[in-house]
Amino acid sequence: MELILSLETSSPICSVALHDTENGRLLGQSELRLEKSHSTHLTVLIEQLLANTGRTLRDLTAVAVSDGPGSYTGLRIGAAAAKGLCFALDIPLIAVGTLPALARQVATRTPRAEAYHYAPMLDARRQEVYTALYRADGHELAAPAPLILTPEAWAEQLAHHAVLFFGSGAAKFQPLVSANPNAAFLADVQPSAVSVGELALGAYQRQEFQDVAYYEPFYLKEVYTTTPRSA
């Protein structure tokens, strides 16, 4: 049996999942909804998941990680854990975009899924989000990008097609387009390692692997830091 361990740390939710590559079956999942818990709880979740499914680290064939965009710190923690496991076990690393995984999560659970386009939105603070646009089959219609929210955002797409908006940034957009009948919103949709694993299965079959030594998450925007002033 070949197994993929998937990690999702791009949001405040720390999530792990285990899939069988031969049939795509989900063997187990675990998540923790606790702010700033990734650094102390990710390895515990992995250990518990493997123990609950009767597996060990040596049974893993690959590790998949949510690639971003998302929380800078969360992505760094997930990438470091995934790279460490891949290096120690000599197995491949798979990177899965946070936005396409989130879109798949919604599309696979939506009745008449083909009737909509899917726009995951991750909060990037103030009136900005990270977003993209997908069909129900996962085809990318608009690449991931930062977007400043205005009433005109996604106007062309909403003029011709029903669009589902979801994710941590969608609530900020809803009041701006509430009068448009083509705009629909879903609440409480959070990134999950399960959908990361589902996309990782295809990447594994296509052997789309990352260089473990040089892999970096897809932050989408440069991260700026400042030096504190001396007293």
C-alpha atoms as a PDB file:
ATOM      1  CA  MET A   1       0.000   0.000   0.000  1.00  0.00           C
ATOM      2  CA  GLU A   2       1.297   3.452  -0.982  1.00  0.00           C
ATOM      3  CA  LEU A   3       0.287   6.323   1.290  1.00  0.00           C
ATOM      4  CA  ILE A   4       0.323  10.128   1.006  1.00  0.00           C
ATOM      5  CA  LEU A   5       0.365  12.225   4.164  1.00  0.00           C
ATOM      6  CA  SER A   6      -1.096  15.695   3.540  1.00  0.00           C
ATOM      7  CA  LEU A   7      -0.546  18.812   5.658  1.00  0.00           C
ATOM      8  CA  GLU A   8      -2.657  21.971   5.620  1.00  0.00           C
ATOM      9  CA  THR A   9      -1.282  24.873   7.670  1.00  0.00           C
ATOM     10  CA  SER A  10      -2.139  27.919   5.551  1.00  0.00           C
ATOM     11  CA  SER A  11      -4.947  29.051   7.894  1.00  0.00           C
ATOM     12  CA  PRO A  12      -5.554  29.056  11.662  1.00  0.00           C
ATOM     13  CA  ILE A  13      -6.739  25.444  11.277  1.00  0.00           C
ATOM     14  CA  CYS A  14      -4.017  22.804  11.509  1.00  0.00           C
ATOM     15  CA  SER A  15      -5.104  19.789   9.459  1.00  0.00           C
ATOM     16  CA  VAL A  16      -3.578  16.461   8.393  1.00  0.00           C
ATOM     17  CA  ALA A  17      -4.919  13.617   6.241  1.00  0.00           C
ATOM     18  CA  LEU A  18      -3.804  10.213   4.980  1.00  0.00           C
ATOM     19  CA  HIS A  19      -4.765   8.791   1.551  1.00  0.00           C
ATOM     20  CA  ASP A  20      -4.154   5.475  -0.182  1.00  0.00           C
ATOM     21  CA  THR A  21      -2.676   6.224  -3.627  1.00  0.00           C
ATOM     22  CA  GLU A  22      -3.931   2.972  -5.152  1.00  0.00           C
ATOM     23  CA  ASN A  23      -7.644   3.732  -4.830  1.00  0.00           C
ATOM     24  CA  GLY A  24      -7.713   7.319  -3.572  1.00  0.00           C
ATOM     25  CA  ARG A  25      -9.388   6.265  -0.336  1.00  0.00           C
ATOM     26  CA  LEU A  26      -9.186   8.569   2.654  1.00  0.00           C
ATOM     27  CA  LEU A  27      -7.814   6.515   5.537  1.00  0.00           C
ATOM     28  CA  GLY A  28      -8.023   9.192   8.198  1.00  0.00           C
ATOM     29  CA  GLN A  29      -7.927  12.885   9.001  1.00  0.00           C
ATOM     30  CA  SER A  30      -7.396  15.103  11.997  1.00  0.00           C
ATOM     31  CA  GLU A  31      -7.597  18.844  12.572  1.00  0.00           C
ATOM     32  CA  LEU A  32      -7.210  21.382  15.341  1.00  0.00           C
ATOM     33  CA  ARG A  33      -9.033  24.719  15.323  1.00  0.00           C
ATOM     34  CA  LEU A  34      -6.763  26.641  17.640  1.00  0.00           C
ATOM     35  CA  GLU A  35      -5.002  29.910  16.815  1.00  0.00           C
ATOM     36  CA  LYS A  36      -1.191  29.759  16.581  1.00  0.00           C
ATOM     37  CA  SER A  37      -1.096  26.049  17.351  1.00  0.00           C
ATOM     38  CA  HIS A  38       0.765  24.762  14.291  1.00  0.00           C
ATOM     39  CA  SER A  39       4.297  24.827  15.671  1.00  0.00           C
ATOM     40  CA  THR A  40       3.401  22.835  18.788  1.00  0.00           C
ATOM     41  CA  HIS A  41       0.612  20.578  17.537  1.00  0.00           C
ATOM     42  CA  LEU A  42       1.367  19.623  13.911  1.00  0.00           C
ATOM     43  CA  THR A  43       3.731  16.752  14.780  1.00  0.00           C
ATOM     44  CA  VAL A  44       1.300  15.551  17.457  1.00  0.00           C
ATOM     45  CA  LEU A  45      -1.548  15.447  14.918  1.00  0.00           C
ATOM     46  CA  ILE A  46       0.641  13.476  12.507  1.00  0.00           C
ATOM     47  CA  GLU A  47       1.607  10.964  15.190  1.00  0.00           C
ATOM     48  CA  GLN A  48      -2.009  10.547  16.313  1.00  0.00           C
ATOM     49  CA  LEU A  49      -3.269  10.107  12.746  1.00  0.00           C
ATOM     50  CA  LEU A  50      -0.710   7.412  11.981  1.00  0.00           C
ATOM     51  CA  ALA A  51      -1.419   5.634  15.262  1.00  0.00           C
ATOM     52  CA  ASN A  52      -5.187   5.760  14.708  1.00  0.00           C
ATOM     53  CA  THR A  53      -4.835   4.266  11.215  1.00  0.00           C
ATOM     54  CA  GLY A  54      -2.316   1.626  12.260  1.00  0.00           C
ATOM     55  CA  ARG A  55       0.478   3.082  10.156  1.00  0.00           C
ATOM     56  CA  THR A  56       3.973   4.436  10.821  1.00  0.00           C
ATOM     57  CA  LEU A  57       6.133   7.068   9.171  1.00  0.00           C
ATOM     58  CA  ARG A  58       7.957   4.287   7.297  1.00  0.00           C
ATOM     59  CA  ASP A  59       4.710   3.428   5.503  1.00  0.00           C
ATOM     60  CA  LEU A  60       4.559   6.844   3.802  1.00  0.00           C
ATOM     61  CA  THR A  61       5.239   7.074   0.081  1.00  0.00           C
ATOM     62  CA  ALA A  62       5.020  10.880  -0.227  1.00  0.00           C
ATOM     63  CA  VAL A  63       4.148  14.000   1.740  1.00  0.00           C
ATOM     64  CA  ALA A  64       1.909  16.730   0.349  1.00  0.00           C
ATOM     65  CA  VAL A  65       1.749  20.244   1.746  1.00  0.00           C
ATOM     66  CA  SER A  66      -0.540  23.197   1.165  1.00  0.00           C
ATOM     67  CA  ASP A  67       1.550  25.507  -1.001  1.00  0.00           C
ATOM     68  CA  GLY A  68      -0.185  28.827  -0.302  1.00  0.00           C
ATOM     69  CA  PRO A  69      -1.119  31.562  -0.416  1.00  0.00           C
ATOM     70  CA  GLY A  70      -2.076  31.975   3.209  1.00  0.00           C
ATOM     71  CA  SER A  71      -0.534  32.664   6.579  1.00  0.00           C
ATOM     72  CA  TYR A  72       3.199  33.282   6.162  1.00  0.00           C
ATOM     73  CA  THR A  73       4.042  31.638   9.473  1.00  0.00           C
ATOM     74  CA  GLY A  74       1.659  28.742   8.921  1.00  0.00           C
ATOM     75  CA  LEU A  75       3.039  28.023   5.457  1.00  0.00           C
ATOM     76  CA  ARG A  76       6.598  28.100   6.774  1.00  0.00           C
ATOM     77  CA  ILE A  77       5.755  25.623   9.522  1.00  0.00           C
ATOM     78  CA  GLY A  78       4.004  23.244   7.113  1.00  0.00           C
ATOM     79  CA  ALA A  79       6.816  23.431   4.569  1.00  0.00           C
ATOM     80  CA  ALA A  80       9.483  22.810   7.209  1.00  0.00           C
ATOM     81  CA  ALA A  81       7.645  19.777   8.575  1.00  0.00           C
ATOM     82  CA  ALA A  82       6.992  18.337   5.106  1.00  0.00           C
ATOM     83  CA  LYS A  83      10.585  18.861   3.968  1.00  0.00           C
ATOM     84  CA  GLY A  84      11.920  17.307   7.146  1.00  0.00           C
ATOM     85  CA  LEU A  85       9.800  14.200   6.706  1.00  0.00           C
ATOM     86  CA  CYS A  86      10.678  13.847   3.020  1.00  0.00           C
ATOM     87  CA  PHE A  87      14.372  14.251   3.682  1.00  0.00           C
ATOM     88  CA  ALA A  88      14.423  11.814   6.611  1.00  0.00           C
ATOM     89  CA  LEU A  89      12.325   9.174   4.830  1.00  0.00           C
ATOM     90  CA  ASP A  90      13.772   9.784   1.327  1.00  0.00           C
ATOM     91  CA  ILE A  91      10.314  10.222  -0.225  1.00  0.00           C
ATOM     92  CA  PRO A  92       8.981  12.856  -2.650  1.00  0.00           C
ATOM     93  CA  LEU A  93       7.394  16.180  -1.715  1.00  0.00           C
ATOM     94  CA  ILE A  94       4.185  17.363  -3.393  1.00  0.00           C
ATOM     95  CA  ALA A  95       2.988  20.989  -3.269  1.00  0.00           C
ATOM     96  CA  VAL A  96      -0.739  21.694  -3.679  1.00  0.00           C
ATOM     97  CA  GLY A  97      -2.109  25.222  -4.084  1.00  0.00           C
ATOM     98  CA  THR A  98      -4.339  26.369  -1.246  1.00  0.00           C
ATOM     99  CA  LEU A  99      -6.867  28.034  -3.557  1.00  0.00           C
ATOM    100  CA  PRO A 100      -7.447  25.117  -5.994  1.00  0.00           C
ATOM    101  CA  ALA A 101      -7.697  22.736  -3.021  1.00  0.00           C
ATOM    102  CA  LEU A 102     -10.293  24.987  -1.407  1.00  0.00           C
ATOM    103  CA  ALA A 103     -12.221  25.204  -4.688  1.00  0.00           C
ATOM    104  CA  ARG A 104     -12.214  21.421  -5.035  1.00  0.00           C
ATOM    105  CA  GLN A 105     -13.438  21.064  -1.473  1.00  0.00           C
ATOM    106  CA  VAL A 106     -16.524  23.132  -2.311  1.00  0.00           C
ATOM    107  CA  ALA A 107     -17.136  21.923  -5.884  1.00  0.00           C
ATOM    108  CA  THR A 108     -17.171  18.223  -4.945  1.00  0.00           C
ATOM    109  CA  ARG A 109     -19.863  18.906  -2.349  1.00  0.00           C
ATOM    110  CA  THR A 110     -22.075  21.283  -4.362  1.00  0.00           C
ATOM    111  CA  PRO A 111     -25.257  20.024  -6.076  1.00  0.00           C
ATOM    112  CA  ARG A 112     -25.284  20.881  -9.782  1.00  0.00           C
ATOM    113  CA  ALA A 113     -21.629  21.834  -9.408  1.00  0.00           C
ATOM    114  CA  GLU A 114     -21.202  22.610 -13.109  1.00  0.00           C
ATOM    115  CA  ALA A 115     -23.678  25.490 -12.801  1.00  0.00           C
ATOM    116  CA  TYR A 116     -21.148  27.595 -10.903  1.00  0.00           C
ATOM    117  CA  HIS A 117     -17.695  29.029 -11.085  1.00  0.00           C
ATOM    118  CA  TYR A 118     -15.708  28.903  -7.848  1.00  0.00           C
ATOM    119  CA  ALA A 119     -13.860  31.844  -6.286  1.00  0.00           C
ATOM    120  CA  PRO A 120     -12.041  30.978  -3.055  1.00  0.00           C
ATOM    121  CA  MET A 121     -11.012  34.064  -1.106  1.00  0.00           C
ATOM    122  CA  LEU A 122      -8.386  34.135   1.628  1.00  0.00           C
ATOM    123  CA  ASP A 123      -8.249  37.195   3.853  1.00  0.00           C
ATOM    124  CA  ALA A 124      -5.160  39.314   3.164  1.00  0.00           C
ATOM    125  CA  ARG A 125      -6.181  42.052   5.644  1.00  0.00           C
ATOM    126  CA  ARG A 126      -7.953  45.344   5.104  1.00  0.00           C
ATOM    127  CA  GLN A 127      -9.955  45.226   1.865  1.00  0.00           C
ATOM    128  CA  GLU A 128      -7.647  42.770   0.115  1.00  0.00           C
ATOM    129  CA  VAL A 129      -7.914  39.030  -0.488  1.00  0.00           C
ATOM    130  CA  TYR A 130      -5.993  36.297  -2.270  1.00  0.00           C
ATOM    131  CA  THR A 131      -8.319  34.794  -4.830  1.00  0.00           C
ATOM    132  CA  ALA A 132      -8.643  32.851  -8.096  1.00  0.00           C
ATOM    133  CA  LEU A 133     -11.430  31.421 -10.241  1.00  0.00           C
ATOM    134  CA  TYR A 134     -12.087  27.780 -11.178  1.00  0.00           C
ATOM    135  CA  ARG A 135     -14.625  25.626 -12.967  1.00  0.00           C
ATOM    136  CA  ALA A 136     -16.168  22.674 -11.168  1.00  0.00           C
ATOM    137  CA  ASP A 137     -13.678  20.318 -12.839  1.00  0.00           C
ATOM    138  CA  GLY A 138     -10.762  22.296 -11.391  1.00  0.00           C
ATOM    139  CA  HIS A 139      -9.834  24.118 -14.603  1.00  0.00           C
ATOM    140  CA  GLU A 140      -8.257  27.470 -13.734  1.00  0.00           C
ATOM    141  CA  LEU A 141     -10.124  30.454 -15.199  1.00  0.00           C
ATOM    142  CA  ALA A 142      -8.166  33.144 -13.338  1.00  0.00           C
ATOM    143  CA  ALA A 143      -4.792  32.576 -11.706  1.00  0.00           C
ATOM    144  CA  PRO A 144      -4.226  33.200  -7.993  1.00  0.00           C
ATOM    145  CA  ALA A 145      -3.628  36.885  -7.317  1.00  0.00           C
ATOM    146  CA  PRO A 146      -4.119  39.532  -4.643  1.00  0.00           C
ATOM    147  CA  LEU A 147      -7.308  41.530  -5.199  1.00  0.00           C
ATOM    148  CA  ILE A 148      -8.526  44.774  -3.615  1.00  0.00           C
ATOM    149  CA  LEU A 149     -12.252  44.381  -3.025  1.00  0.00           C
ATOM    150  CA  THR A 150     -14.537  46.909  -4.706  1.00  0.00           C
ATOM    151  CA  PRO A 151     -18.087  46.629  -6.099  1.00  0.00           C
ATOM    152  CA  GLU A 152     -16.490  46.222  -9.536  1.00  0.00           C
ATOM    153  CA  ALA A 153     -14.344  43.206  -8.567  1.00  0.00           C
ATOM    154  CA  TRP A 154     -15.210  40.106 -10.615  1.00  0.00           C
ATOM    155  CA  ALA A 155     -17.810  42.238 -12.461  1.00  0.00           C
ATOM    156  CA  GLU A 156     -17.152  40.657 -15.851  1.00  0.00           C
ATOM    157  CA  GLN A 157     -17.430  37.115 -14.491  1.00  0.00           C
ATOM    158  CA  LEU A 158     -20.596  37.905 -12.512  1.00  0.00           C
ATOM    159  CA  ALA A 159     -22.208  39.407 -15.596  1.00  0.00           C
ATOM    160  CA  HIS A 160     -22.089  36.061 -17.395  1.00  0.00           C
ATOM    161  CA  HIS A 161     -22.000  33.302 -14.806  1.00  0.00           C
ATOM    162  CA  ALA A 162     -23.078  32.341 -11.307  1.00  0.00           C
ATOM    163  CA  VAL A 163     -20.078  32.452  -8.967  1.00  0.00           C
ATOM    164  CA  LEU A 164     -19.706  30.875  -5.531  1.00  0.00           C
ATOM    165  CA  PHE A 165     -17.517  32.868  -3.122  1.00  0.00           C
ATOM    166  CA  PHE A 166     -16.131  31.271   0.030  1.00  0.00           C
ATOM    167  CA  GLY A 167     -13.159  31.263   2.362  1.00  0.00           C
ATOM    168  CA  SER A 168     -11.944  33.602   5.088  1.00  0.00           C
ATOM    169  CA  GLY A 169     -12.074  36.690   2.863  1.00  0.00           C
ATOM    170  CA  ALA A 170     -15.480  36.185   1.244  1.00  0.00           C
ATOM    171  CA  ALA A 171     -17.507  37.873   3.995  1.00  0.00           C
ATOM    172  CA  LYS A 172     -15.790  41.199   3.221  1.00  0.00           C
ATOM    173  CA  PHE A 173     -16.898  40.969  -0.403  1.00  0.00           C
ATOM    174  CA  GLN A 174     -20.523  39.971   0.188  1.00  0.00           C
ATOM    175  CA  PRO A 175     -21.900  43.441   1.075  1.00  0.00           C
ATOM    176  CA  LEU A 176     -20.345  44.902  -2.066  1.00  0.00           C
ATOM    177  CA  VAL A 177     -22.201  42.591  -4.482  1.00  0.00           C
ATOM    178  CA  SER A 178     -25.253  41.567  -2.452  1.00  0.00           C
ATOM    179  CA  ALA A 179     -27.598  42.925  -5.137  1.00  0.00           C
ATOM    180  CA  ASN A 180     -26.101  40.751  -7.889  1.00  0.00           C
ATOM    181  CA  PRO A 181     -28.155  37.554  -8.350  1.00  0.00           C
ATOM    182  CA  ASN A 182     -25.142  35.730  -9.789  1.00  0.00           C
ATOM    183  CA  ALA A 183     -23.107  36.141  -6.584  1.00  0.00           C
ATOM    184  CA  ALA A 184     -23.576  33.375  -4.014  1.00  0.00           C
ATOM    185  CA  PHE A 185     -21.689  32.961  -0.743  1.00  0.00           C
ATOM    186  CA  LEU A 186     -20.861  30.042   1.525  1.00  0.00           C
ATOM    187  CA  ALA A 187     -19.923  30.593   5.162  1.00  0.00           C
ATOM    188  CA  ASP A 188     -17.389  28.730   7.326  1.00  0.00           C
ATOM    189  CA  VAL A 189     -15.398  27.114   4.516  1.00  0.00           C
ATOM    190  CA  GLN A 190     -11.864  26.494   5.752  1.00  0.00           C
ATOM    191  CA  PRO A 191      -8.860  24.843   4.049  1.00  0.00           C
ATOM    192  CA  SER A 192      -8.585  21.108   4.719  1.00  0.00           C
ATOM    193  CA  ALA A 193      -5.795  18.564   4.326  1.00  0.00           C
ATOM    194  CA  VAL A 194      -8.371  16.201   2.813  1.00  0.00           C
ATOM    195  CA  SER A 195      -8.739  18.266  -0.374  1.00  0.00           C
ATOM    196  CA  VAL A 196      -4.963  18.836  -0.429  1.00  0.00           C
ATOM    197  CA  GLY A 197      -4.574  15.061  -0.420  1.00  0.00           C
ATOM    198  CA  GLU A 198      -7.168  14.595  -3.151  1.00  0.00           C
ATOM    199  CA  LEU A 199      -5.238  16.880  -5.516  1.00  0.00           C
ATOM    200  CA  ALA A 200      -1.942  15.363  -4.396  1.00  0.00           C
ATOM    201  CA  LEU A 201      -3.091  11.958  -5.640  1.00  0.00           C
ATOM    202  CA  GLY A 202      -3.098  13.212  -9.232  1.00  0.00           C
ATOM    203  CA  ALA A 203       0.224  14.989  -8.806  1.00  0.00           C
ATOM    204  CA  TYR A 204       1.715  11.776  -7.416  1.00  0.00           C
ATOM    205  CA  GLN A 205       0.578   9.765 -10.442  1.00  0.00           C
ATOM    206  CA  ARG A 206       2.053  12.431 -12.749  1.00  0.00           C
ATOM    207  CA  GLN A 207       5.249  12.495 -10.641  1.00  0.00           C
ATOM    208  CA  GLU A 208       4.994  16.245 -10.119  1.00  0.00           C
ATOM    209  CA  PHE A 209       7.418  16.497  -7.226  1.00  0.00           C
ATOM    210  CA  GLN A 210       9.259  19.405  -5.606  1.00  0.00           C
ATOM    211  CA  ASP A 211      12.963  19.727  -4.939  1.00  0.00           C
ATOM    212  CA  VAL A 212      13.060  19.063  -1.202  1.00  0.00           C
ATOM    213  CA  ALA A 213      16.190  21.154  -0.676  1.00  0.00           C
ATOM    214  CA  TYR A 214      14.964  24.280  -2.447  1.00  0.00           C
ATOM    215  CA  TYR A 215      11.180  24.227  -2.110  1.00  0.00           C
ATOM    216  CA  GLU A 216       9.559  27.408  -0.784  1.00  0.00           C
ATOM    217  CA  PRO A 217       5.820  28.052  -0.312  1.00  0.00           C
ATOM    218  CA  PHE A 218       3.872  30.224  -2.743  1.00  0.00           C
ATOM    219  CA  TYR A 219       3.386  33.386  -0.671  1.00  0.00           C
ATOM    220  CA  LEU A 220       1.947  35.345  -3.621  1.00  0.00           C
ATOM    221  CA  LYS A 221       3.182  38.637  -2.151  1.00  0.00           C
ATOM    222  CA  GLU A 222       6.526  39.637  -0.731  1.00  0.00           C
ATOM    223  CA  VAL A 223       6.679  39.515   3.044  1.00  0.00           C
ATOM    224  CA  TYR A 224       7.868  42.757   4.586  1.00  0.00           C
ATOM    225  CA  THR A 225       9.363  42.972   8.044  1.00  0.00           C
ATOM    226  CA  THR A 226      10.495  45.935  10.064  1.00  0.00           C
ATOM    227  CA  THR A 227      13.255  46.308  12.600  1.00  0.00           C
ATOM    228  CA  PRO A 228      12.008  47.437  16.030  1.00  0.00           C
ATOM    229  CA  ARG A 229      13.294  50.796  17.160  1.00  0.00           C
ATOM    230  CA  SER A 230      15.856  50.710  19.904  1.00  0.00           C
ATOM    231  CA  ALA A 231      14.841  52.174  23.227  1.00  0.00           C
END
